[in-house]
Amino acid sequence: MKNILFLCSQNKLRSPTAEAIFCDKEGWDVRSAGLSTDAEVYLCTEDVPWADYIFVMEQAHKKKLKQKFRKFIKDQSIVCLGIPDDYEFMDKQLIAILNSKVPQFID
């Protein structure tokens, strides 16, 4: 089982979309969270070591993750997907982008 964590700022649009489209993928256990303290689901310290793969939507998220949660990061693969905050939840274009980018990083 691969533990996969998707992060964005508010956990309202991008990362919950990723969680929704990959949650039924065989062999993947998927969660999503936000890095802002007012996020719908705020990233907790247990989520980081749980994850084998951490996907962030923007470089700013990667920087914030490393600043706030450095001591919980082990040898996880942290991948920036480069997806700007331009999409609604379950936007068809966002789903296409996620489907084209994410699976190539999971071995």
C-alpha atoms as a PDB file:
ATOM      1  CA  MET A   1       0.000   0.000   0.000  1.00  0.00           C
ATOM      2  CA  LYS A   2       1.322   3.428  -0.955  1.00  0.00           C
ATOM      3  CA  ASN A   3       0.399   6.284   1.400  1.00  0.00           C
ATOM      4  CA  ILE A   4      -0.145   9.449  -0.620  1.00  0.00           C
ATOM      5  CA  LEU A   5      -0.733  12.928   0.773  1.00  0.00           C
ATOM      6  CA  PHE A   6      -1.936  15.895  -1.290  1.00  0.00           C
ATOM      7  CA  LEU A   7      -1.400  19.411   0.045  1.00  0.00           C
ATOM      8  CA  CYS A   8      -2.564  22.878  -0.941  1.00  0.00           C
ATOM      9  CA  SER A   9      -3.311  26.002   1.078  1.00  0.00           C
ATOM     10  CA  GLN A  10      -6.933  25.773   2.189  1.00  0.00           C
ATOM     11  CA  ASN A  11      -7.782  22.131   1.411  1.00  0.00           C
ATOM     12  CA  LYS A  12     -10.905  23.327  -0.395  1.00  0.00           C
ATOM     13  CA  LEU A  13     -10.231  22.875  -4.116  1.00  0.00           C
ATOM     14  CA  ARG A  14      -7.037  21.294  -5.439  1.00  0.00           C
ATOM     15  CA  SER A  15      -5.943  18.781  -2.807  1.00  0.00           C
ATOM     16  CA  PRO A  16      -9.492  17.525  -2.055  1.00  0.00           C
ATOM     17  CA  THR A  17      -9.998  17.041  -5.798  1.00  0.00           C
ATOM     18  CA  ALA A  18      -6.820  14.943  -5.916  1.00  0.00           C
ATOM     19  CA  GLU A  19      -7.969  12.928  -2.917  1.00  0.00           C
ATOM     20  CA  ALA A  20     -11.388  12.362  -4.499  1.00  0.00           C
ATOM     21  CA  ILE A  21     -10.068  11.145  -7.845  1.00  0.00           C
ATOM     22  CA  PHE A  22      -7.356   8.866  -6.438  1.00  0.00           C
ATOM     23  CA  CYS A  23      -9.081   7.539  -3.291  1.00  0.00           C
ATOM     24  CA  ASP A  24     -10.321   4.393  -5.027  1.00  0.00           C
ATOM     25  CA  LYS A  25      -7.070   3.595  -6.823  1.00  0.00           C
ATOM     26  CA  GLU A  26      -5.963   0.098  -5.884  1.00  0.00           C
ATOM     27  CA  GLY A  27      -2.889   0.033  -3.669  1.00  0.00           C
ATOM     28  CA  TRP A  28      -3.149   3.717  -2.760  1.00  0.00           C
ATOM     29  CA  ASP A  29      -4.227   5.126   0.592  1.00  0.00           C
ATOM     30  CA  VAL A  30      -4.890   8.816  -0.008  1.00  0.00           C
ATOM     31  CA  ARG A  31      -5.340  11.858   2.237  1.00  0.00           C
ATOM     32  CA  SER A  32      -5.418  15.597   1.675  1.00  0.00           C
ATOM     33  CA  ALA A  33      -4.823  18.595   3.896  1.00  0.00           C
ATOM     34  CA  GLY A  34      -4.060  22.295   3.844  1.00  0.00           C
ATOM     35  CA  LEU A  35      -1.030  24.178   5.050  1.00  0.00           C
ATOM     36  CA  SER A  36      -2.858  27.323   6.167  1.00  0.00           C
ATOM     37  CA  THR A  37      -4.020  27.341   9.762  1.00  0.00           C
ATOM     38  CA  ASP A  38      -7.576  28.105   8.586  1.00  0.00           C
ATOM     39  CA  ALA A  39      -7.664  25.174   6.129  1.00  0.00           C
ATOM     40  CA  GLU A  40     -10.699  22.890   5.992  1.00  0.00           C
ATOM     41  CA  VAL A  41      -8.433  20.039   7.131  1.00  0.00           C
ATOM     42  CA  TYR A  42      -5.166  21.361   8.546  1.00  0.00           C
ATOM     43  CA  LEU A  43      -2.085  19.214   8.063  1.00  0.00           C
ATOM     44  CA  CYS A  44      -1.310  17.424  11.312  1.00  0.00           C
ATOM     45  CA  THR A  45       2.029  16.105  12.471  1.00  0.00           C
ATOM     46  CA  GLU A  46       0.876  12.481  12.087  1.00  0.00           C
ATOM     47  CA  ASP A  47       0.123  12.926   8.366  1.00  0.00           C
ATOM     48  CA  VAL A  48       3.673  13.756   7.327  1.00  0.00           C
ATOM     49  CA  PRO A  49       5.501  10.628   8.569  1.00  0.00           C
ATOM     50  CA  TRP A  50       2.506   8.505   7.453  1.00  0.00           C
ATOM     51  CA  ALA A  51       3.010   9.553   3.820  1.00  0.00           C
ATOM     52  CA  ASP A  52       5.288   7.776   1.378  1.00  0.00           C
ATOM     53  CA  TYR A  53       4.624  10.478  -1.224  1.00  0.00           C
ATOM     54  CA  ILE A  54       3.705  14.097  -0.592  1.00  0.00           C
ATOM     55  CA  PHE A  55       2.344  16.133  -3.478  1.00  0.00           C
ATOM     56  CA  VAL A  56       2.157  19.904  -3.154  1.00  0.00           C
ATOM     57  CA  MET A  57       0.438  22.129  -5.669  1.00  0.00           C
ATOM     58  CA  GLU A  58       2.938  25.035  -5.640  1.00  0.00           C
ATOM     59  CA  GLN A  59       6.563  25.677  -4.657  1.00  0.00           C
ATOM     60  CA  ALA A  60       5.303  27.918  -1.831  1.00  0.00           C
ATOM     61  CA  HIS A  61       3.592  24.873  -0.329  1.00  0.00           C
ATOM     62  CA  LYS A  62       6.815  22.868  -0.453  1.00  0.00           C
ATOM     63  CA  LYS A  63       8.646  25.697   1.301  1.00  0.00           C
ATOM     64  CA  LYS A  64       5.944  26.023   3.973  1.00  0.00           C
ATOM     65  CA  LEU A  65       5.881  22.251   4.514  1.00  0.00           C
ATOM     66  CA  LYS A  66       9.635  22.172   5.063  1.00  0.00           C
ATOM     67  CA  GLN A  67       9.510  25.188   7.406  1.00  0.00           C
ATOM     68  CA  LYS A  68       6.610  24.052   9.583  1.00  0.00           C
ATOM     69  CA  PHE A  69       7.043  20.261   9.519  1.00  0.00           C
ATOM     70  CA  ARG A  70      10.780  19.726   8.938  1.00  0.00           C
ATOM     71  CA  LYS A  71      11.257  17.381  11.907  1.00  0.00           C
ATOM     72  CA  PHE A  72       8.469  15.076  10.660  1.00  0.00           C
ATOM     73  CA  ILE A  73       9.814  14.761   7.121  1.00  0.00           C
ATOM     74  CA  LYS A  74      11.844  11.598   6.706  1.00  0.00           C
ATOM     75  CA  ASP A  75      12.689  10.183   3.291  1.00  0.00           C
ATOM     76  CA  GLN A  76       9.356  10.843   1.598  1.00  0.00           C
ATOM     77  CA  SER A  77       9.269  11.906  -1.982  1.00  0.00           C
ATOM     78  CA  ILE A  78       7.981  15.514  -2.050  1.00  0.00           C
ATOM     79  CA  VAL A  79       6.750  16.522  -5.489  1.00  0.00           C
ATOM     80  CA  CYS A  80       5.590  19.955  -6.596  1.00  0.00           C
ATOM     81  CA  LEU A  81       2.910  19.583  -9.259  1.00  0.00           C
ATOM     82  CA  GLY A  82       2.994  23.253 -10.315  1.00  0.00           C
ATOM     83  CA  ILE A  83      -0.790  23.648 -10.296  1.00  0.00           C
ATOM     84  CA  PRO A  84      -1.918  27.233  -9.621  1.00  0.00           C
ATOM     85  CA  ASP A  85      -5.022  28.088  -7.591  1.00  0.00           C
ATOM     86  CA  ASP A  86      -7.123  28.601 -10.735  1.00  0.00           C
ATOM     87  CA  TYR A  87      -9.553  25.684 -10.477  1.00  0.00           C
ATOM     88  CA  GLU A  88     -12.784  24.831  -8.725  1.00  0.00           C
ATOM     89  CA  PHE A  89     -13.322  21.572  -6.841  1.00  0.00           C
ATOM     90  CA  MET A  90     -13.551  18.671  -9.321  1.00  0.00           C
ATOM     91  CA  ASP A  91     -12.849  20.961 -12.304  1.00  0.00           C
ATOM     92  CA  LYS A  92     -12.471  18.754 -15.393  1.00  0.00           C
ATOM     93  CA  GLN A  93      -9.225  20.450 -16.422  1.00  0.00           C
ATOM     94  CA  LEU A  94      -7.787  20.022 -12.910  1.00  0.00           C
ATOM     95  CA  ILE A  95      -8.718  16.334 -12.950  1.00  0.00           C
ATOM     96  CA  ALA A  96      -6.986  15.902 -16.317  1.00  0.00           C
ATOM     97  CA  ILE A  97      -3.843  17.632 -15.027  1.00  0.00           C
ATOM     98  CA  LEU A  98      -3.738  15.498 -11.884  1.00  0.00           C
ATOM     99  CA  ASN A  99      -4.293  12.288 -13.864  1.00  0.00           C
ATOM    100  CA  SER A 100      -1.473  13.199 -16.230  1.00  0.00           C
ATOM    101  CA  LYS A 101       1.039  14.218 -13.543  1.00  0.00           C
ATOM    102  CA  VAL A 102       0.592  12.187 -10.380  1.00  0.00           C
ATOM    103  CA  PRO A 103       0.768   8.487 -11.412  1.00  0.00           C
ATOM    104  CA  GLN A 104       4.203   8.824 -13.013  1.00  0.00           C
ATOM    105  CA  PHE A 105       5.747   9.523  -9.590  1.00  0.00           C
ATOM    106  CA  ILE A 106       4.296   6.487  -7.817  1.00  0.00           C
ATOM    107  CA  ASP A 107       6.357   3.335  -8.203  1.00  0.00           C
END
